[in-house]
Amino acid sequence: MTEEPAAGDEAGLSGSAAGDAEVRDRLPDDLDASGYVGPYLFPNNSRRRIAGVLYLLIGAAAIAVPLVVDEDAVLVNGGFTAGGIGLILFGLYCLQAGWNLAVDENDALVAATREVGFPVGHASAQLAWRGLRSRPTWRILLYSNEPSPSSRGLVLVDGVDGAVVGCFVEDNPEDWTGLDP
């Protein structure tokens, strides 16, 4: 004796397969730079504070649950308190790591150009974070303004106050002779 699938089951399978094919991951609009015309504005690190407040609230609720329920509760144990403490600690970390990114890549490029001491041609900026407190720092890679750049430099510029954190300049070891017109 063979069983036939119910009409609803068969329709559900084919319907879900078509639905799954249409599902796509996508970035939030403020993080998607494709198709964007004009200067790109990096999202501010201060958004970490929102998550920090949420972690603090959920952690406080997790600590409060064992205090309000009966001692005979099956699903509530010391793990709630431990998890709540962990969430509060992580929330405090998020609050202190939510630096305000006050220096954009253009300001960092200007500071880096002043620091290297040669006219800058091509340059690249990358936002990174340094230290345990996760302070935003721009990494600026610069080449001298010549057809075959003779110098290059890497400058670290603090994203909070614009101070130059580090600078490394050297003669360009790359061979560009085959690329000359």
C-alpha atoms as a PDB file:
ATOM      1  CA  MET A   1       0.000   0.000   0.000  1.00  0.00           C
ATOM      2  CA  THR A   2       1.505   3.355  -1.027  1.00  0.00           C
ATOM      3  CA  GLU A   3       0.670   6.632   0.540  1.00  0.00           C
ATOM      4  CA  GLU A   4       0.060   9.696  -1.539  1.00  0.00           C
ATOM      5  CA  PRO A   5       0.987  13.083  -0.158  1.00  0.00           C
ATOM      6  CA  ALA A   6      -1.893  15.263   0.826  1.00  0.00           C
ATOM      7  CA  ALA A   7      -2.788  17.972  -1.642  1.00  0.00           C
ATOM      8  CA  GLY A   8      -1.760  20.661   0.825  1.00  0.00           C
ATOM      9  CA  ASP A   9       1.674  19.063   1.414  1.00  0.00           C
ATOM     10  CA  GLU A  10       2.540  18.910  -2.277  1.00  0.00           C
ATOM     11  CA  ALA A  11       1.473  22.500  -2.869  1.00  0.00           C
ATOM     12  CA  GLY A  12       3.372  23.597   0.210  1.00  0.00           C
ATOM     13  CA  LEU A  13       6.602  21.990  -1.037  1.00  0.00           C
ATOM     14  CA  SER A  14       6.458  23.543  -4.468  1.00  0.00           C
ATOM     15  CA  GLY A  15       5.369  26.882  -3.031  1.00  0.00           C
ATOM     16  CA  SER A  16       8.230  26.991  -0.511  1.00  0.00           C
ATOM     17  CA  ALA A  17      10.824  26.055  -3.147  1.00  0.00           C
ATOM     18  CA  ALA A  18       9.754  28.973  -5.309  1.00  0.00           C
ATOM     19  CA  GLY A  19       9.672  31.224  -2.249  1.00  0.00           C
ATOM     20  CA  ASP A  20      13.182  30.183  -1.151  1.00  0.00           C
ATOM     21  CA  ALA A  21      14.616  30.991  -4.574  1.00  0.00           C
ATOM     22  CA  GLU A  22      13.355  34.542  -4.268  1.00  0.00           C
ATOM     23  CA  VAL A  23      14.923  35.180  -0.858  1.00  0.00           C
ATOM     24  CA  ARG A  24      18.096  37.272  -1.044  1.00  0.00           C
ATOM     25  CA  ASP A  25      20.369  38.753   1.588  1.00  0.00           C
ATOM     26  CA  ARG A  26      20.864  42.463   1.295  1.00  0.00           C
ATOM     27  CA  LEU A  27      22.727  45.144   3.132  1.00  0.00           C
ATOM     28  CA  PRO A  28      20.886  47.937   4.906  1.00  0.00           C
ATOM     29  CA  ASP A  29      20.585  51.007   2.692  1.00  0.00           C
ATOM     30  CA  ASP A  30      23.084  53.028   4.745  1.00  0.00           C
ATOM     31  CA  LEU A  31      25.781  50.326   4.264  1.00  0.00           C
ATOM     32  CA  ASP A  32      25.206  49.533   0.570  1.00  0.00           C
ATOM     33  CA  ALA A  33      27.631  51.630  -1.508  1.00  0.00           C
ATOM     34  CA  SER A  34      26.871  50.024  -4.884  1.00  0.00           C
ATOM     35  CA  GLY A  35      25.166  52.401  -7.251  1.00  0.00           C
ATOM     36  CA  TYR A  36      25.805  55.345  -4.931  1.00  0.00           C
ATOM     37  CA  VAL A  37      26.937  58.532  -6.647  1.00  0.00           C
ATOM     38  CA  GLY A  38      28.787  61.152  -4.654  1.00  0.00           C
ATOM     39  CA  PRO A  39      30.885  61.062  -1.522  1.00  0.00           C
ATOM     40  CA  TYR A  40      30.267  58.009   0.660  1.00  0.00           C
ATOM     41  CA  LEU A  41      29.645  58.695   4.339  1.00  0.00           C
ATOM     42  CA  PHE A  42      30.990  55.993   6.642  1.00  0.00           C
ATOM     43  CA  PRO A  43      28.509  54.855   9.308  1.00  0.00           C
ATOM     44  CA  ASN A  44      29.399  56.303  12.687  1.00  0.00           C
ATOM     45  CA  ASN A  45      30.778  54.053  15.431  1.00  0.00           C
ATOM     46  CA  SER A  46      28.506  55.755  17.931  1.00  0.00           C
ATOM     47  CA  ARG A  47      25.747  53.405  16.702  1.00  0.00           C
ATOM     48  CA  ARG A  48      27.360  50.771  18.958  1.00  0.00           C
ATOM     49  CA  ARG A  49      25.850  52.597  21.912  1.00  0.00           C
ATOM     50  CA  ILE A  50      22.332  51.631  20.811  1.00  0.00           C
ATOM     51  CA  ALA A  51      23.244  47.947  20.955  1.00  0.00           C
ATOM     52  CA  GLY A  52      24.994  48.562  24.291  1.00  0.00           C
ATOM     53  CA  VAL A  53      21.833  49.976  25.850  1.00  0.00           C
ATOM     54  CA  LEU A  54      19.823  47.028  24.537  1.00  0.00           C
ATOM     55  CA  TYR A  55      22.337  44.564  26.010  1.00  0.00           C
ATOM     56  CA  LEU A  56      22.123  46.369  29.368  1.00  0.00           C
ATOM     57  CA  LEU A  57      18.322  46.224  29.389  1.00  0.00           C
ATOM     58  CA  ILE A  58      18.153  42.548  28.400  1.00  0.00           C
ATOM     59  CA  GLY A  59      20.873  41.702  30.928  1.00  0.00           C
ATOM     60  CA  ALA A  60      18.989  43.483  33.705  1.00  0.00           C
ATOM     61  CA  ALA A  61      15.818  41.622  32.742  1.00  0.00           C
ATOM     62  CA  ALA A  62      17.695  38.301  32.783  1.00  0.00           C
ATOM     63  CA  ILE A  63      18.951  39.041  36.293  1.00  0.00           C
ATOM     64  CA  ALA A  64      15.469  40.099  37.445  1.00  0.00           C
ATOM     65  CA  VAL A  65      13.709  36.945  36.181  1.00  0.00           C
ATOM     66  CA  PRO A  66      15.101  34.586  38.868  1.00  0.00           C
ATOM     67  CA  LEU A  67      14.175  37.142  41.536  1.00  0.00           C
ATOM     68  CA  VAL A  68      10.505  37.216  40.542  1.00  0.00           C
ATOM     69  CA  VAL A  69       9.735  33.589  39.708  1.00  0.00           C
ATOM     70  CA  ASP A  70       9.162  30.785  42.188  1.00  0.00           C
ATOM     71  CA  GLU A  71      12.103  28.727  43.356  1.00  0.00           C
ATOM     72  CA  ASP A  72      10.422  25.652  41.843  1.00  0.00           C
ATOM     73  CA  ALA A  73      10.534  27.043  38.294  1.00  0.00           C
ATOM     74  CA  VAL A  74      11.959  24.414  35.968  1.00  0.00           C
ATOM     75  CA  LEU A  75      13.266  26.658  33.189  1.00  0.00           C
ATOM     76  CA  VAL A  76      14.780  29.367  35.381  1.00  0.00           C
ATOM     77  CA  ASN A  77      18.085  28.685  37.081  1.00  0.00           C
ATOM     78  CA  GLY A  78      21.438  30.329  37.792  1.00  0.00           C
ATOM     79  CA  GLY A  79      22.169  30.510  34.077  1.00  0.00           C
ATOM     80  CA  PHE A  80      19.810  33.460  33.818  1.00  0.00           C
ATOM     81  CA  THR A  81      21.894  35.404  36.320  1.00  0.00           C
ATOM     82  CA  ALA A  82      25.190  34.419  34.688  1.00  0.00           C
ATOM     83  CA  GLY A  83      23.844  35.302  31.234  1.00  0.00           C
ATOM     84  CA  GLY A  84      22.515  38.614  32.528  1.00  0.00           C
ATOM     85  CA  ILE A  85      25.885  39.510  34.027  1.00  0.00           C
ATOM     86  CA  GLY A  86      27.579  38.606  30.733  1.00  0.00           C
ATOM     87  CA  LEU A  87      25.149  40.753  28.759  1.00  0.00           C
ATOM     88  CA  ILE A  88      25.656  43.694  31.102  1.00  0.00           C
ATOM     89  CA  LEU A  89      29.445  43.433  30.804  1.00  0.00           C
ATOM     90  CA  PHE A  90      29.246  43.292  27.025  1.00  0.00           C
ATOM     91  CA  GLY A  91      26.763  46.194  27.010  1.00  0.00           C
ATOM     92  CA  LEU A  92      29.200  48.288  29.041  1.00  0.00           C
ATOM     93  CA  TYR A  93      31.949  47.422  26.543  1.00  0.00           C
ATOM     94  CA  CYS A  94      29.698  48.516  23.651  1.00  0.00           C
ATOM     95  CA  LEU A  95      28.976  51.819  25.384  1.00  0.00           C
ATOM     96  CA  GLN A  96      32.644  52.650  25.905  1.00  0.00           C
ATOM     97  CA  ALA A  97      33.633  51.440  22.397  1.00  0.00           C
ATOM     98  CA  GLY A  98      31.008  53.627  20.701  1.00  0.00           C
ATOM     99  CA  TRP A  99      33.422  56.386  19.716  1.00  0.00           C
ATOM    100  CA  ASN A 100      32.112  59.270  17.643  1.00  0.00           C
ATOM    101  CA  LEU A 101      33.827  59.208  14.227  1.00  0.00           C
ATOM    102  CA  ALA A 102      34.519  62.938  13.909  1.00  0.00           C
ATOM    103  CA  VAL A 103      37.226  62.731  11.209  1.00  0.00           C
ATOM    104  CA  ASP A 104      36.182  61.595   7.742  1.00  0.00           C
ATOM    105  CA  GLU A 105      38.515  60.113   5.115  1.00  0.00           C
ATOM    106  CA  ASN A 106      39.089  63.501   3.438  1.00  0.00           C
ATOM    107  CA  ASP A 107      40.278  65.101   6.682  1.00  0.00           C
ATOM    108  CA  ALA A 108      42.469  62.052   7.343  1.00  0.00           C
ATOM    109  CA  LEU A 109      43.974  62.338   3.850  1.00  0.00           C
ATOM    110  CA  VAL A 110      44.836  65.994   4.453  1.00  0.00           C
ATOM    111  CA  ALA A 111      46.538  65.128   7.753  1.00  0.00           C
ATOM    112  CA  ALA A 112      48.426  62.255   6.104  1.00  0.00           C
ATOM    113  CA  THR A 113      49.578  64.477   3.223  1.00  0.00           C
ATOM    114  CA  ARG A 114      51.016  66.967   5.702  1.00  0.00           C
ATOM    115  CA  GLU A 115      52.830  64.188   7.533  1.00  0.00           C
ATOM    116  CA  VAL A 116      54.599  62.385   4.652  1.00  0.00           C
ATOM    117  CA  GLY A 117      56.380  65.430   3.242  1.00  0.00           C
ATOM    118  CA  PHE A 118      55.982  64.704  -0.481  1.00  0.00           C
ATOM    119  CA  PRO A 119      53.301  65.680  -3.022  1.00  0.00           C
ATOM    120  CA  VAL A 120      50.676  62.936  -3.017  1.00  0.00           C
ATOM    121  CA  GLY A 121      49.276  61.301  -6.137  1.00  0.00           C
ATOM    122  CA  HIS A 122      47.263  58.148  -5.568  1.00  0.00           C
ATOM    123  CA  ALA A 123      45.968  57.422  -2.088  1.00  0.00           C
ATOM    124  CA  SER A 124      43.698  54.924  -0.398  1.00  0.00           C
ATOM    125  CA  ALA A 125      41.834  55.169   2.915  1.00  0.00           C
ATOM    126  CA  GLN A 126      40.654  52.306   5.102  1.00  0.00           C
ATOM    127  CA  LEU A 127      38.853  52.541   8.428  1.00  0.00           C
ATOM    128  CA  ALA A 128      40.196  50.190  11.097  1.00  0.00           C
ATOM    129  CA  TRP A 129      40.003  49.955  14.871  1.00  0.00           C
ATOM    130  CA  ARG A 130      42.887  49.832  17.318  1.00  0.00           C
ATOM    131  CA  GLY A 131      43.283  48.853  20.904  1.00  0.00           C
ATOM    132  CA  LEU A 132      41.036  47.102  23.382  1.00  0.00           C
ATOM    133  CA  ARG A 133      38.665  50.062  23.394  1.00  0.00           C
ATOM    134  CA  SER A 134      38.291  49.760  19.616  1.00  0.00           C
ATOM    135  CA  ARG A 135      39.178  53.353  18.716  1.00  0.00           C
ATOM    136  CA  PRO A 136      38.520  54.158  15.016  1.00  0.00           C
ATOM    137  CA  THR A 137      41.678  54.847  13.021  1.00  0.00           C
ATOM    138  CA  TRP A 138      42.130  55.714   9.365  1.00  0.00           C
ATOM    139  CA  ARG A 139      44.882  53.842   7.521  1.00  0.00           C
ATOM    140  CA  ILE A 140      46.006  55.997   4.609  1.00  0.00           C
ATOM    141  CA  LEU A 141      48.280  54.530   1.922  1.00  0.00           C
ATOM    142  CA  LEU A 142      49.873  57.267  -0.209  1.00  0.00           C
ATOM    143  CA  TYR A 143      52.065  57.315  -3.316  1.00  0.00           C
ATOM    144  CA  SER A 144      54.103  60.279  -4.566  1.00  0.00           C
ATOM    145  CA  ASN A 145      52.686  62.325  -7.424  1.00  0.00           C
ATOM    146  CA  GLU A 146      54.869  61.075 -10.293  1.00  0.00           C
ATOM    147  CA  PRO A 147      54.181  58.815 -13.295  1.00  0.00           C
ATOM    148  CA  SER A 148      56.267  56.111 -11.565  1.00  0.00           C
ATOM    149  CA  PRO A 149      55.934  56.926  -7.857  1.00  0.00           C
ATOM    150  CA  SER A 150      59.317  57.070  -6.141  1.00  0.00           C
ATOM    151  CA  SER A 151      57.958  57.214  -2.575  1.00  0.00           C
ATOM    152  CA  ARG A 152      55.111  55.678  -0.652  1.00  0.00           C
ATOM    153  CA  GLY A 153      53.833  56.072   2.870  1.00  0.00           C
ATOM    154  CA  LEU A 154      51.424  54.576   5.359  1.00  0.00           C
ATOM    155  CA  VAL A 155      49.898  56.985   7.851  1.00  0.00           C
ATOM    156  CA  LEU A 156      47.561  56.131  10.744  1.00  0.00           C
ATOM    157  CA  VAL A 157      45.195  58.974  11.613  1.00  0.00           C
ATOM    158  CA  ASP A 158      42.956  58.871  14.690  1.00  0.00           C
ATOM    159  CA  GLY A 159      39.291  58.979  13.669  1.00  0.00           C
ATOM    160  CA  VAL A 160      38.190  60.763  16.843  1.00  0.00           C
ATOM    161  CA  ASP A 161      40.548  63.747  17.088  1.00  0.00           C
ATOM    162  CA  GLY A 162      42.523  63.671  13.788  1.00  0.00           C
ATOM    163  CA  ALA A 163      45.934  63.188  15.408  1.00  0.00           C
ATOM    164  CA  VAL A 164      48.560  61.261  13.463  1.00  0.00           C
ATOM    165  CA  VAL A 165      49.152  58.016  15.369  1.00  0.00           C
ATOM    166  CA  GLY A 166      51.926  56.632  13.180  1.00  0.00           C
ATOM    167  CA  CYS A 167      53.747  57.292   9.938  1.00  0.00           C
ATOM    168  CA  PHE A 168      55.985  55.115   7.782  1.00  0.00           C
ATOM    169  CA  VAL A 169      57.573  56.507   4.595  1.00  0.00           C
ATOM    170  CA  GLU A 170      59.944  54.651   2.264  1.00  0.00           C
ATOM    171  CA  ASP A 171      61.272  54.660  -1.270  1.00  0.00           C
ATOM    172  CA  ASN A 172      58.884  52.728  -3.457  1.00  0.00           C
ATOM    173  CA  PRO A 173      60.377  49.230  -3.963  1.00  0.00           C
ATOM    174  CA  GLU A 174      57.907  48.358  -6.737  1.00  0.00           C
ATOM    175  CA  ASP A 175      59.185  48.281 -10.311  1.00  0.00           C
ATOM    176  CA  TRP A 176      56.923  50.412 -12.497  1.00  0.00           C
ATOM    177  CA  THR A 177      59.238  50.706 -15.514  1.00  0.00           C
ATOM    178  CA  GLY A 178      57.191  48.297 -17.643  1.00  0.00           C
ATOM    179  CA  LEU A 179      54.102  50.454 -17.129  1.00  0.00           C
ATOM    180  CA  ASP A 180      55.577  53.722 -18.416  1.00  0.00           C
ATOM    181  CA  PRO A 181      53.942  54.948 -21.671  1.00  0.00           C
END
